[in-house]
Amino acid sequence: MEKVSVFGAGSWGTALSYVLAQNGHDLLLWTHRQEQADEINQHTNKRYLKNTQLPESLKATSDLPQAVEHGDIFVLAVPTKAIREVCQDIKKNLNRKILFVHVSKGIEPDSLKRISEMIREEIPEQWIEEVVVLSGPSHAEEVVQEHPTTVTAACENTEAAVRIQDLFMNNYFRVYTNTDVIGVEIGGALKNIIALAVGITDGLEFGDNAKAAIMTRGLAEIARLGVKMGATPLTFSGLTGVGDLIVTCTSVHSRNWRAGNMLGKGKSLDEVLEEMGMVVEGIRTTKAAYQLSEAYDVPMPITAALYSVLFDNVSTDDAVGKLMGRTKKNEMEDLVDLL
């Protein structure tokens, strides 16, 4: 049994807490809202997982120092934009080494930092045992229904990755390990951009041909950038590459697909965000990925087209026209470049 503190009581933080509690670990889930902690202690979290009965052993608190004191392993399940603030609050109460696990999927605009880099910037190295990334095709709504799910625990330190593999793994939640942290983080973050784009094509009622094209060429963009940043090409053929891309682009559970679908139907970005009521990571990540493509001089036409829709007020029809009218090229150029 491990002592684990989970920070962030959204759908994914709650679903992972569900898994950990069922696995018999001593778990404490932190939320910044006392009323949400009270509800979770009554075994529901209806805003995020409305039909789920939570295990009695799943306890919640809004007292951050209590959560910091509780665990030897910290699972960070807050949105990318909240990572630094939560880490700063954690740091104020730390007095020992902690194994950090992050489960969010995003890149910080402007700084262009991956989440593991943000954690290491905010938490002094003396308090970090290791940082592990847990990522893969995994909708919270299906995990709490105990539907078979597979994810990857990534860390350059294999022993730390195996410890997290053992922490989460059970008969419906299978965990693999990987040492390619860059590839896993880039794949997990950038697939949200492609899901937004697929949602737009569905909103425009373009059909399955367009969806397949965006997903396939989107994966090529992700791999191009990831490899330029130091990732292993094969990672993008795995769970945190093509696997996460498929589930996020094809499922009604996907916030990013739903947001893109509304954009495709003609709603403004402000209208979409108001109606969603939850964080849509792909919107913020689109800005970061666009900046990364320029910084690394990597062509990412789908990302650029989506950026123009989200931030330059270009219509979805005009963005599609620009994509389809680009200069002709050989499909295998990407593969040759990667190899």
C-alpha atoms as a PDB file:
ATOM      1  CA  MET A   1       0.000   0.000   0.000  1.00  0.00           C
ATOM      2  CA  GLU A   2       1.277   3.453  -0.971  1.00  0.00           C
ATOM      3  CA  LYS A   3       0.295   6.811   0.509  1.00  0.00           C
ATOM      4  CA  VAL A   4      -0.878   8.938  -2.426  1.00  0.00           C
ATOM      5  CA  SER A   5      -2.136  12.511  -2.707  1.00  0.00           C
ATOM      6  CA  VAL A   6      -3.998  13.482  -5.882  1.00  0.00           C
ATOM      7  CA  PHE A   7      -4.177  17.217  -6.674  1.00  0.00           C
ATOM      8  CA  GLY A   8      -7.166  18.139  -8.828  1.00  0.00           C
ATOM      9  CA  ALA A   9     -10.681  16.730  -8.545  1.00  0.00           C
ATOM     10  CA  GLY A  10     -11.860  17.111 -12.129  1.00  0.00           C
ATOM     11  CA  SER A  11     -12.970  14.097 -14.117  1.00  0.00           C
ATOM     12  CA  TRP A  12      -9.503  12.627 -14.643  1.00  0.00           C
ATOM     13  CA  GLY A  13      -8.190  13.291 -11.150  1.00  0.00           C
ATOM     14  CA  THR A  14     -11.324  11.701  -9.706  1.00  0.00           C
ATOM     15  CA  ALA A  15     -11.147   8.706 -12.062  1.00  0.00           C
ATOM     16  CA  LEU A  16      -7.512   8.027 -11.161  1.00  0.00           C
ATOM     17  CA  SER A  17      -8.404   8.373  -7.479  1.00  0.00           C
ATOM     18  CA  TYR A  18     -11.124   5.783  -8.090  1.00  0.00           C
ATOM     19  CA  VAL A  19      -8.494   3.391  -9.503  1.00  0.00           C
ATOM     20  CA  LEU A  20      -6.040   4.031  -6.661  1.00  0.00           C
ATOM     21  CA  ALA A  21      -8.693   3.590  -3.983  1.00  0.00           C
ATOM     22  CA  GLN A  22      -9.809   0.316  -5.544  1.00  0.00           C
ATOM     23  CA  ASN A  23      -6.194  -0.818  -5.635  1.00  0.00           C
ATOM     24  CA  GLY A  24      -6.091  -0.444  -1.855  1.00  0.00           C
ATOM     25  CA  HIS A  25      -3.810   2.579  -1.558  1.00  0.00           C
ATOM     26  CA  ASP A  26      -4.101   5.190   1.194  1.00  0.00           C
ATOM     27  CA  LEU A  27      -5.497   8.007  -0.913  1.00  0.00           C
ATOM     28  CA  LEU A  28      -6.340  11.670  -0.341  1.00  0.00           C
ATOM     29  CA  LEU A  29      -7.837  13.780  -3.154  1.00  0.00           C
ATOM     30  CA  TRP A  30      -7.342  17.550  -2.979  1.00  0.00           C
ATOM     31  CA  THR A  31      -9.716  20.136  -4.449  1.00  0.00           C
ATOM     32  CA  HIS A  32      -9.602  23.880  -3.904  1.00  0.00           C
ATOM     33  CA  ARG A  33     -13.372  23.934  -3.237  1.00  0.00           C
ATOM     34  CA  GLN A  34     -14.672  22.795   0.160  1.00  0.00           C
ATOM     35  CA  GLU A  35     -18.157  22.022  -1.194  1.00  0.00           C
ATOM     36  CA  GLN A  36     -16.652  19.647  -3.748  1.00  0.00           C
ATOM     37  CA  ALA A  37     -14.583  17.922  -1.057  1.00  0.00           C
ATOM     38  CA  ASP A  38     -17.738  17.491   1.015  1.00  0.00           C
ATOM     39  CA  GLU A  39     -19.560  15.925  -1.922  1.00  0.00           C
ATOM     40  CA  ILE A  40     -16.709  13.554  -2.726  1.00  0.00           C
ATOM     41  CA  ASN A  41     -16.670  12.443   0.910  1.00  0.00           C
ATOM     42  CA  GLN A  42     -20.318  11.505   0.339  1.00  0.00           C
ATOM     43  CA  HIS A  43     -19.064   9.369  -2.598  1.00  0.00           C
ATOM     44  CA  THR A  44     -20.119  11.397  -5.653  1.00  0.00           C
ATOM     45  CA  ASN A  45     -18.624  14.088  -7.907  1.00  0.00           C
ATOM     46  CA  LYS A  46     -21.624  14.760 -10.141  1.00  0.00           C
ATOM     47  CA  ARG A  47     -20.328  17.770 -12.035  1.00  0.00           C
ATOM     48  CA  TYR A  48     -17.539  15.702 -13.569  1.00  0.00           C
ATOM     49  CA  LEU A  49     -18.693  12.071 -13.271  1.00  0.00           C
ATOM     50  CA  LYS A  50     -22.425  12.362 -12.817  1.00  0.00           C
ATOM     51  CA  ASN A  51     -23.386   8.667 -12.697  1.00  0.00           C
ATOM     52  CA  THR A  52     -20.465   7.390 -10.630  1.00  0.00           C
ATOM     53  CA  GLN A  53     -20.523   6.045  -7.084  1.00  0.00           C
ATOM     54  CA  LEU A  54     -17.080   6.599  -5.605  1.00  0.00           C
ATOM     55  CA  PRO A  55     -15.404   4.100  -3.257  1.00  0.00           C
ATOM     56  CA  GLU A  56     -15.878   4.732   0.460  1.00  0.00           C
ATOM     57  CA  SER A  57     -12.109   4.692   0.908  1.00  0.00           C
ATOM     58  CA  LEU A  58     -11.728   7.681  -1.444  1.00  0.00           C
ATOM     59  CA  LYS A  59     -11.320  10.690   0.852  1.00  0.00           C
ATOM     60  CA  ALA A  60     -11.116  14.336  -0.185  1.00  0.00           C
ATOM     61  CA  THR A  61      -9.914  17.583   1.362  1.00  0.00           C
ATOM     62  CA  SER A  62      -9.663  21.263   0.446  1.00  0.00           C
ATOM     63  CA  ASP A  63      -6.743  21.683   2.884  1.00  0.00           C
ATOM     64  CA  LEU A  64      -3.628  21.703   0.681  1.00  0.00           C
ATOM     65  CA  PRO A  65      -1.085  21.410   3.528  1.00  0.00           C
ATOM     66  CA  GLN A  66      -2.973  18.300   4.697  1.00  0.00           C
ATOM     67  CA  ALA A  67      -2.713  16.786   1.202  1.00  0.00           C
ATOM     68  CA  VAL A  68       1.013  17.601   1.046  1.00  0.00           C
ATOM     69  CA  GLU A  69       1.588  16.026   4.448  1.00  0.00           C
ATOM     70  CA  HIS A  70      -0.366  12.896   3.520  1.00  0.00           C
ATOM     71  CA  GLY A  71       1.364  11.415   0.484  1.00  0.00           C
ATOM     72  CA  ASP A  72       4.706   9.991  -0.569  1.00  0.00           C
ATOM     73  CA  ILE A  73       3.516  10.064  -4.173  1.00  0.00           C
ATOM     74  CA  PHE A  74       1.823  13.162  -5.629  1.00  0.00           C
ATOM     75  CA  VAL A  75      -0.414  12.867  -8.683  1.00  0.00           C
ATOM     76  CA  LEU A  76      -0.883  16.269 -10.367  1.00  0.00           C
ATOM     77  CA  ALA A  77      -4.225  16.275 -12.215  1.00  0.00           C
ATOM     78  CA  VAL A  78      -4.846  20.005 -12.601  1.00  0.00           C
ATOM     79  CA  PRO A  79      -5.063  21.835 -15.970  1.00  0.00           C
ATOM     80  CA  THR A  80      -1.779  22.898 -17.551  1.00  0.00           C
ATOM     81  CA  LYS A  81      -2.403  26.571 -16.741  1.00  0.00           C
ATOM     82  CA  ALA A  82      -2.661  25.718 -13.011  1.00  0.00           C
ATOM     83  CA  ILE A  83       0.476  23.545 -12.761  1.00  0.00           C
ATOM     84  CA  ARG A  84       2.846  26.310 -11.675  1.00  0.00           C
ATOM     85  CA  GLU A  85       0.470  27.792  -9.092  1.00  0.00           C
ATOM     86  CA  VAL A  86      -0.292  24.408  -7.508  1.00  0.00           C
ATOM     87  CA  CYS A  87       3.407  23.470  -7.471  1.00  0.00           C
ATOM     88  CA  GLN A  88       4.254  26.765  -5.775  1.00  0.00           C
ATOM     89  CA  ASP A  89       1.645  26.054  -3.085  1.00  0.00           C
ATOM     90  CA  ILE A  90       2.948  22.511  -2.650  1.00  0.00           C
ATOM     91  CA  LYS A  91       6.524  23.764  -2.353  1.00  0.00           C
ATOM     92  CA  LYS A  92       5.618  25.955   0.622  1.00  0.00           C
ATOM     93  CA  ASN A  93       4.685  22.858   2.614  1.00  0.00           C
ATOM     94  CA  LEU A  94       7.266  20.310   1.434  1.00  0.00           C
ATOM     95  CA  ASN A  95       9.885  18.839   3.776  1.00  0.00           C
ATOM     96  CA  ARG A  96      10.829  15.541   2.051  1.00  0.00           C
ATOM     97  CA  LYS A  97      11.428  13.937  -1.347  1.00  0.00           C
ATOM     98  CA  ILE A  98       8.305  13.122  -3.351  1.00  0.00           C
ATOM     99  CA  LEU A  99       7.700  10.996  -6.430  1.00  0.00           C
ATOM    100  CA  PHE A 100       5.672  13.278  -8.721  1.00  0.00           C
ATOM    101  CA  VAL A 101       3.291  11.950 -11.368  1.00  0.00           C
ATOM    102  CA  HIS A 102       1.625  14.324 -13.805  1.00  0.00           C
ATOM    103  CA  VAL A 103      -1.399  13.326 -15.864  1.00  0.00           C
ATOM    104  CA  SER A 104      -2.236  16.576 -17.683  1.00  0.00           C
ATOM    105  CA  LYS A 105      -1.695  17.064 -21.411  1.00  0.00           C
ATOM    106  CA  GLY A 106      -0.485  20.440 -22.577  1.00  0.00           C
ATOM    107  CA  ILE A 107       2.372  22.809 -23.410  1.00  0.00           C
ATOM    108  CA  GLU A 108       2.792  26.216 -21.794  1.00  0.00           C
ATOM    109  CA  PRO A 109       2.487  29.046 -24.358  1.00  0.00           C
ATOM    110  CA  ASP A 110       5.352  31.545 -24.590  1.00  0.00           C
ATOM    111  CA  SER A 111       7.738  29.579 -22.342  1.00  0.00           C
ATOM    112  CA  LEU A 112       7.062  26.474 -24.535  1.00  0.00           C
ATOM    113  CA  LYS A 113       7.740  24.236 -21.543  1.00  0.00           C
ATOM    114  CA  ARG A 114       6.446  20.706 -21.197  1.00  0.00           C
ATOM    115  CA  ILE A 115       4.671  19.940 -17.925  1.00  0.00           C
ATOM    116  CA  SER A 116       7.540  17.902 -16.470  1.00  0.00           C
ATOM    117  CA  GLU A 117       9.828  20.880 -17.122  1.00  0.00           C
ATOM    118  CA  MET A 118       7.380  23.223 -15.401  1.00  0.00           C
ATOM    119  CA  ILE A 119       7.282  20.965 -12.331  1.00  0.00           C
ATOM    120  CA  ARG A 120      11.081  20.870 -12.124  1.00  0.00           C
ATOM    121  CA  GLU A 121      11.237  24.658 -12.408  1.00  0.00           C
ATOM    122  CA  GLU A 122       8.783  25.179  -9.545  1.00  0.00           C
ATOM    123  CA  ILE A 123       9.763  22.388  -7.119  1.00  0.00           C
ATOM    124  CA  PRO A 124      13.341  22.448  -5.772  1.00  0.00           C
ATOM    125  CA  GLU A 125      15.338  19.427  -6.935  1.00  0.00           C
ATOM    126  CA  GLN A 126      16.023  18.459  -3.308  1.00  0.00           C
ATOM    127  CA  TRP A 127      12.319  17.582  -2.908  1.00  0.00           C
ATOM    128  CA  ILE A 128      11.926  15.641  -6.172  1.00  0.00           C
ATOM    129  CA  GLU A 129      12.510  11.916  -6.124  1.00  0.00           C
ATOM    130  CA  GLU A 130      11.486  11.723  -9.802  1.00  0.00           C
ATOM    131  CA  VAL A 131       8.859  13.008 -12.245  1.00  0.00           C
ATOM    132  CA  VAL A 132       6.780  10.441 -14.130  1.00  0.00           C
ATOM    133  CA  VAL A 133       4.298  11.136 -16.937  1.00  0.00           C
ATOM    134  CA  LEU A 134       1.116   9.019 -17.022  1.00  0.00           C
ATOM    135  CA  SER A 135      -0.590   9.346 -20.395  1.00  0.00           C
ATOM    136  CA  GLY A 136      -2.548   7.461 -23.029  1.00  0.00           C
ATOM    137  CA  PRO A 137      -6.010   6.911 -24.565  1.00  0.00           C
ATOM    138  CA  SER A 138      -8.129   7.133 -21.438  1.00  0.00           C
ATOM    139  CA  HIS A 139     -11.484   8.825 -20.983  1.00  0.00           C
ATOM    140  CA  ALA A 140     -12.358   9.217 -17.302  1.00  0.00           C
ATOM    141  CA  GLU A 141     -15.993   8.274 -17.955  1.00  0.00           C
ATOM    142  CA  GLU A 142     -14.923   4.820 -19.169  1.00  0.00           C
ATOM    143  CA  VAL A 143     -12.284   4.217 -16.503  1.00  0.00           C
ATOM    144  CA  VAL A 144     -14.837   4.563 -13.695  1.00  0.00           C
ATOM    145  CA  GLN A 145     -17.061   2.097 -15.560  1.00  0.00           C
ATOM    146  CA  GLU A 146     -14.055  -0.239 -15.371  1.00  0.00           C
ATOM    147  CA  HIS A 147     -13.841  -0.610 -19.134  1.00  0.00           C
ATOM    148  CA  PRO A 148     -10.438  -1.916 -20.304  1.00  0.00           C
ATOM    149  CA  THR A 149      -7.970   0.976 -20.572  1.00  0.00           C
ATOM    150  CA  THR A 150      -4.246   1.082 -21.381  1.00  0.00           C
ATOM    151  CA  VAL A 151      -1.827   3.930 -20.627  1.00  0.00           C
ATOM    152  CA  THR A 152       1.918   4.541 -20.395  1.00  0.00           C
ATOM    153  CA  ALA A 153       4.090   5.590 -17.449  1.00  0.00           C
ATOM    154  CA  ALA A 154       7.096   7.459 -18.855  1.00  0.00           C
ATOM    155  CA  CYS A 155      10.308   8.335 -17.061  1.00  0.00           C
ATOM    156  CA  GLU A 156      13.998   8.155 -17.905  1.00  0.00           C
ATOM    157  CA  ASN A 157      14.349   6.395 -14.540  1.00  0.00           C
ATOM    158  CA  THR A 158      12.880   2.955 -15.270  1.00  0.00           C
ATOM    159  CA  GLU A 159      12.507   2.067 -11.582  1.00  0.00           C
ATOM    160  CA  ALA A 160      10.278   5.090 -11.004  1.00  0.00           C
ATOM    161  CA  ALA A 161       8.159   4.234 -14.050  1.00  0.00           C
ATOM    162  CA  VAL A 162       7.738   0.650 -12.814  1.00  0.00           C
ATOM    163  CA  ARG A 163       6.697   1.893  -9.373  1.00  0.00           C
ATOM    164  CA  ILE A 164       3.910   3.949 -10.965  1.00  0.00           C
ATOM    165  CA  GLN A 165       3.017   1.009 -13.199  1.00  0.00           C
ATOM    166  CA  ASP A 166       2.540  -1.104 -10.071  1.00  0.00           C
ATOM    167  CA  LEU A 167       0.634   1.707  -8.339  1.00  0.00           C
ATOM    168  CA  PHE A 168      -2.128   1.960 -10.944  1.00  0.00           C
ATOM    169  CA  MET A 169      -2.264  -1.381 -12.704  1.00  0.00           C
ATOM    170  CA  ASN A 170      -5.224  -3.709 -12.173  1.00  0.00           C
ATOM    171  CA  ASN A 171      -7.541  -5.968 -14.198  1.00  0.00           C
ATOM    172  CA  TYR A 172      -9.147  -3.094 -16.133  1.00  0.00           C
ATOM    173  CA  PHE A 173      -6.374  -0.456 -16.052  1.00  0.00           C
ATOM    174  CA  ARG A 174      -3.219  -1.702 -17.759  1.00  0.00           C
ATOM    175  CA  VAL A 175      -0.017   0.354 -17.587  1.00  0.00           C
ATOM    176  CA  TYR A 176       3.034   0.087 -19.836  1.00  0.00           C
ATOM    177  CA  THR A 177       6.385   1.824 -19.282  1.00  0.00           C
ATOM    178  CA  ASN A 178       8.454   4.029 -21.587  1.00  0.00           C
ATOM    179  CA  THR A 179      11.641   6.067 -21.198  1.00  0.00           C
ATOM    180  CA  ASP A 180      10.753   8.648 -23.903  1.00  0.00           C
ATOM    181  CA  VAL A 181       9.346  11.457 -21.753  1.00  0.00           C
ATOM    182  CA  ILE A 182       9.501  14.044 -24.543  1.00  0.00           C
ATOM    183  CA  GLY A 183       7.615  11.854 -26.993  1.00  0.00           C
ATOM    184  CA  VAL A 184       4.924  10.915 -24.484  1.00  0.00           C
ATOM    185  CA  GLU A 185       4.344  14.541 -23.427  1.00  0.00           C
ATOM    186  CA  ILE A 186       4.347  15.904 -26.971  1.00  0.00           C
ATOM    187  CA  GLY A 187       2.013  13.185 -28.251  1.00  0.00           C
ATOM    188  CA  GLY A 188      -0.405  13.664 -25.377  1.00  0.00           C
ATOM    189  CA  ALA A 189      -0.484  17.437 -25.727  1.00  0.00           C
ATOM    190  CA  LEU A 190      -0.637  17.857 -29.490  1.00  0.00           C
ATOM    191  CA  LYS A 191      -3.312  15.246 -30.174  1.00  0.00           C
ATOM    192  CA  ASN A 192      -5.751  17.725 -28.585  1.00  0.00           C
ATOM    193  CA  ILE A 193      -5.029  20.147 -31.430  1.00  0.00           C
ATOM    194  CA  ILE A 194      -5.830  17.502 -34.031  1.00  0.00           C
ATOM    195  CA  ALA A 195      -9.021  16.562 -32.158  1.00  0.00           C
ATOM    196  CA  LEU A 196     -10.138  20.192 -32.358  1.00  0.00           C
ATOM    197  CA  ALA A 197      -9.482  20.143 -36.104  1.00  0.00           C
ATOM    198  CA  VAL A 198     -11.374  16.851 -36.544  1.00  0.00           C
ATOM    199  CA  GLY A 199     -14.264  18.290 -34.554  1.00  0.00           C
ATOM    200  CA  ILE A 200     -14.380  21.241 -36.936  1.00  0.00           C
ATOM    201  CA  THR A 201     -14.538  18.954 -39.992  1.00  0.00           C
ATOM    202  CA  ASP A 202     -17.364  17.009 -38.346  1.00  0.00           C
ATOM    203  CA  GLY A 203     -19.163  20.252 -37.537  1.00  0.00           C
ATOM    204  CA  LEU A 204     -18.818  21.219 -41.191  1.00  0.00           C
ATOM    205  CA  GLU A 205     -20.258  17.768 -42.090  1.00  0.00           C
ATOM    206  CA  PHE A 206     -17.285  16.851 -44.271  1.00  0.00           C
ATOM    207  CA  GLY A 207     -17.508  13.126 -43.481  1.00  0.00           C
ATOM    208  CA  ASP A 208     -15.067  10.317 -42.778  1.00  0.00           C
ATOM    209  CA  ASN A 209     -12.611  11.066 -45.596  1.00  0.00           C
ATOM    210  CA  ALA A 210     -11.751  14.430 -44.071  1.00  0.00           C
ATOM    211  CA  LYS A 211     -11.554  12.949 -40.580  1.00  0.00           C
ATOM    212  CA  ALA A 212      -9.085  10.268 -41.712  1.00  0.00           C
ATOM    213  CA  ALA A 213      -7.008  12.874 -43.558  1.00  0.00           C
ATOM    214  CA  ILE A 214      -6.745  15.207 -40.564  1.00  0.00           C
ATOM    215  CA  MET A 215      -5.865  12.370 -38.173  1.00  0.00           C
ATOM    216  CA  THR A 216      -3.206  10.886 -40.473  1.00  0.00           C
ATOM    217  CA  ARG A 217      -1.566  14.130 -41.472  1.00  0.00           C
ATOM    218  CA  GLY A 218      -1.978  15.409 -37.920  1.00  0.00           C
ATOM    219  CA  LEU A 219       0.037  12.477 -36.600  1.00  0.00           C
ATOM    220  CA  ALA A 220       2.744  13.331 -39.139  1.00  0.00           C
ATOM    221  CA  GLU A 221       2.871  16.887 -37.753  1.00  0.00           C
ATOM    222  CA  ILE A 222       3.097  15.653 -34.171  1.00  0.00           C
ATOM    223  CA  ALA A 223       5.914  13.254 -34.996  1.00  0.00           C
ATOM    224  CA  ARG A 224       7.808  15.859 -37.041  1.00  0.00           C
ATOM    225  CA  LEU A 225       7.889  18.291 -34.154  1.00  0.00           C
ATOM    226  CA  GLY A 226       8.431  15.659 -31.470  1.00  0.00           C
ATOM    227  CA  VAL A 227      11.458  14.130 -33.201  1.00  0.00           C
ATOM    228  CA  LYS A 228      12.957  17.586 -33.772  1.00  0.00           C
ATOM    229  CA  MET A 229      12.598  18.157 -30.015  1.00  0.00           C
ATOM    230  CA  GLY A 230      14.375  14.892 -29.189  1.00  0.00           C
ATOM    231  CA  ALA A 231      11.608  12.276 -29.064  1.00  0.00           C
ATOM    232  CA  THR A 232      11.900   8.712 -30.348  1.00  0.00           C
ATOM    233  CA  PRO A 233       9.897   8.252 -33.593  1.00  0.00           C
ATOM    234  CA  LEU A 234       8.411   4.909 -32.504  1.00  0.00           C
ATOM    235  CA  THR A 235       6.692   6.539 -29.521  1.00  0.00           C
ATOM    236  CA  PHE A 236       4.206   8.151 -31.905  1.00  0.00           C
ATOM    237  CA  SER A 237       3.050   4.739 -33.129  1.00  0.00           C
ATOM    238  CA  GLY A 238       2.184   3.753 -29.554  1.00  0.00           C
ATOM    239  CA  LEU A 239      -0.458   4.512 -26.935  1.00  0.00           C
ATOM    240  CA  THR A 240       0.498   8.143 -26.392  1.00  0.00           C
ATOM    241  CA  GLY A 241       0.758   8.797 -30.128  1.00  0.00           C
ATOM    242  CA  VAL A 242      -1.694   7.148 -32.484  1.00  0.00           C
ATOM    243  CA  GLY A 243      -3.630   5.562 -29.577  1.00  0.00           C
ATOM    244  CA  ASP A 244      -4.430   8.827 -27.823  1.00  0.00           C
ATOM    245  CA  LEU A 245      -5.040  10.507 -31.169  1.00  0.00           C
ATOM    246  CA  ILE A 246      -7.689   7.963 -32.166  1.00  0.00           C
ATOM    247  CA  VAL A 247      -9.662   8.140 -28.929  1.00  0.00           C
ATOM    248  CA  THR A 248      -9.588  11.937 -28.706  1.00  0.00           C
ATOM    249  CA  CYS A 249     -10.596  12.466 -32.335  1.00  0.00           C
ATOM    250  CA  THR A 250     -13.441   9.937 -32.422  1.00  0.00           C
ATOM    251  CA  SER A 251     -15.167  10.001 -29.039  1.00  0.00           C
ATOM    252  CA  VAL A 252     -18.078  12.129 -27.843  1.00  0.00           C
ATOM    253  CA  HIS A 253     -16.343  12.123 -24.435  1.00  0.00           C
ATOM    254  CA  SER A 254     -13.571  14.301 -25.923  1.00  0.00           C
ATOM    255  CA  ARG A 255     -13.835  17.940 -24.859  1.00  0.00           C
ATOM    256  CA  ASN A 256     -11.533  18.973 -27.674  1.00  0.00           C
ATOM    257  CA  TRP A 257     -13.608  17.210 -30.335  1.00  0.00           C
ATOM    258  CA  ARG A 258     -16.808  18.714 -28.916  1.00  0.00           C
ATOM    259  CA  ALA A 259     -15.293  22.209 -28.886  1.00  0.00           C
ATOM    260  CA  GLY A 260     -14.124  21.837 -32.479  1.00  0.00           C
ATOM    261  CA  ASN A 261     -17.515  20.491 -33.510  1.00  0.00           C
ATOM    262  CA  MET A 262     -19.205  23.613 -32.146  1.00  0.00           C
ATOM    263  CA  LEU A 263     -16.688  25.829 -33.961  1.00  0.00           C
ATOM    264  CA  GLY A 264     -17.437  23.957 -37.165  1.00  0.00           C
ATOM    265  CA  LYS A 265     -21.146  24.595 -36.669  1.00  0.00           C
ATOM    266  CA  GLY A 266     -20.475  28.328 -36.598  1.00  0.00           C
ATOM    267  CA  LYS A 267     -20.178  29.217 -32.910  1.00  0.00           C
ATOM    268  CA  SER A 268     -17.557  31.709 -31.770  1.00  0.00           C
ATOM    269  CA  LEU A 269     -14.688  30.664 -29.504  1.00  0.00           C
ATOM    270  CA  ASP A 270     -16.199  32.605 -26.594  1.00  0.00           C
ATOM    271  CA  GLU A 271     -19.543  30.861 -27.088  1.00  0.00           C
ATOM    272  CA  VAL A 272     -17.832  27.476 -27.180  1.00  0.00           C
ATOM    273  CA  LEU A 273     -15.868  28.051 -23.968  1.00  0.00           C
ATOM    274  CA  GLU A 274     -18.940  29.323 -22.143  1.00  0.00           C
ATOM    275  CA  GLU A 275     -21.023  26.337 -23.218  1.00  0.00           C
ATOM    276  CA  MET A 276     -18.283  23.784 -22.416  1.00  0.00           C
ATOM    277  CA  GLY A 277     -17.818  25.002 -18.838  1.00  0.00           C
ATOM    278  CA  MET A 278     -14.603  22.968 -18.530  1.00  0.00           C
ATOM    279  CA  VAL A 279     -10.986  23.390 -19.629  1.00  0.00           C
ATOM    280  CA  VAL A 280     -10.358  22.652 -23.317  1.00  0.00           C
ATOM    281  CA  GLU A 281      -6.595  22.037 -23.279  1.00  0.00           C
ATOM    282  CA  GLY A 282      -6.240  21.997 -27.066  1.00  0.00           C
ATOM    283  CA  ILE A 283      -7.079  25.689 -27.427  1.00  0.00           C
ATOM    284  CA  ARG A 284      -4.190  26.841 -25.261  1.00  0.00           C
ATOM    285  CA  THR A 285      -1.911  24.130 -26.691  1.00  0.00           C
ATOM    286  CA  THR A 286      -2.598  25.306 -30.258  1.00  0.00           C
ATOM    287  CA  LYS A 287      -0.896  28.598 -29.450  1.00  0.00           C
ATOM    288  CA  ALA A 288       2.079  26.805 -27.885  1.00  0.00           C
ATOM    289  CA  ALA A 289       2.403  24.320 -30.752  1.00  0.00           C
ATOM    290  CA  TYR A 290       2.270  27.132 -33.308  1.00  0.00           C
ATOM    291  CA  GLN A 291       5.075  28.892 -31.426  1.00  0.00           C
ATOM    292  CA  LEU A 292       7.050  25.625 -31.233  1.00  0.00           C
ATOM    293  CA  SER A 293       6.682  25.051 -34.978  1.00  0.00           C
ATOM    294  CA  GLU A 294       8.248  28.450 -35.586  1.00  0.00           C
ATOM    295  CA  ALA A 295      10.959  27.990 -32.964  1.00  0.00           C
ATOM    296  CA  TYR A 296      12.025  24.605 -34.383  1.00  0.00           C
ATOM    297  CA  ASP A 297      11.300  25.534 -38.019  1.00  0.00           C
ATOM    298  CA  VAL A 298       8.934  22.578 -38.434  1.00  0.00           C
ATOM    299  CA  PRO A 299       6.046  22.857 -40.929  1.00  0.00           C
ATOM    300  CA  MET A 300       2.718  22.172 -39.176  1.00  0.00           C
ATOM    301  CA  PRO A 301      -0.022  23.258 -41.601  1.00  0.00           C
ATOM    302  CA  ILE A 302      -2.988  21.829 -39.648  1.00  0.00           C
ATOM    303  CA  THR A 303      -1.806  23.528 -36.475  1.00  0.00           C
ATOM    304  CA  ALA A 304      -1.277  26.795 -38.377  1.00  0.00           C
ATOM    305  CA  ALA A 305      -4.755  26.593 -39.905  1.00  0.00           C
ATOM    306  CA  LEU A 306      -6.346  25.975 -36.513  1.00  0.00           C
ATOM    307  CA  TYR A 307      -4.334  28.816 -34.976  1.00  0.00           C
ATOM    308  CA  SER A 308      -5.692  31.155 -37.645  1.00  0.00           C
ATOM    309  CA  VAL A 309      -9.263  30.122 -36.781  1.00  0.00           C
ATOM    310  CA  LEU A 310      -8.826  30.437 -33.008  1.00  0.00           C
ATOM    311  CA  PHE A 311      -6.687  33.568 -32.785  1.00  0.00           C
ATOM    312  CA  ASP A 312      -6.796  35.431 -36.125  1.00  0.00           C
ATOM    313  CA  ASN A 313     -10.563  35.292 -36.797  1.00  0.00           C
ATOM    314  CA  VAL A 314     -10.117  33.317 -40.031  1.00  0.00           C
ATOM    315  CA  SER A 315     -13.293  31.443 -40.994  1.00  0.00           C
ATOM    316  CA  THR A 316     -13.243  27.652 -40.879  1.00  0.00           C
ATOM    317  CA  ASP A 317     -14.082  27.526 -44.606  1.00  0.00           C
ATOM    318  CA  ASP A 318     -11.135  29.768 -45.484  1.00  0.00           C
ATOM    319  CA  ALA A 319      -8.788  27.716 -43.288  1.00  0.00           C
ATOM    320  CA  VAL A 320      -9.862  24.488 -44.999  1.00  0.00           C
ATOM    321  CA  GLY A 321      -9.397  26.091 -48.415  1.00  0.00           C
ATOM    322  CA  LYS A 322      -5.870  27.158 -47.526  1.00  0.00           C
ATOM    323  CA  LEU A 323      -5.003  23.669 -46.275  1.00  0.00           C
ATOM    324  CA  MET A 324      -6.283  21.951 -49.405  1.00  0.00           C
ATOM    325  CA  GLY A 325      -4.593  24.446 -51.731  1.00  0.00           C
ATOM    326  CA  ARG A 326      -1.041  24.043 -50.454  1.00  0.00           C
ATOM    327  CA  THR A 327       1.861  23.144 -52.749  1.00  0.00           C
ATOM    328  CA  LYS A 328       1.921  19.459 -53.751  1.00  0.00           C
ATOM    329  CA  LYS A 329       4.399  17.124 -52.047  1.00  0.00           C
ATOM    330  CA  ASN A 330       5.369  13.471 -51.657  1.00  0.00           C
ATOM    331  CA  GLU A 331       3.713  11.701 -48.725  1.00  0.00           C
ATOM    332  CA  MET A 332       6.898   9.833 -47.851  1.00  0.00           C
ATOM    333  CA  GLU A 333       8.878  13.019 -47.229  1.00  0.00           C
ATOM    334  CA  ASP A 334       7.786  12.931 -43.591  1.00  0.00           C
ATOM    335  CA  LEU A 335       8.943   9.335 -43.130  1.00  0.00           C
ATOM    336  CA  VAL A 336      12.286  10.025 -44.755  1.00  0.00           C
ATOM    337  CA  ASP A 337      12.799  13.068 -42.521  1.00  0.00           C
ATOM    338  CA  LEU A 338      11.952  11.093 -39.366  1.00  0.00           C
ATOM    339  CA  LEU A 339      14.271   8.224 -40.235  1.00  0.00           C
END
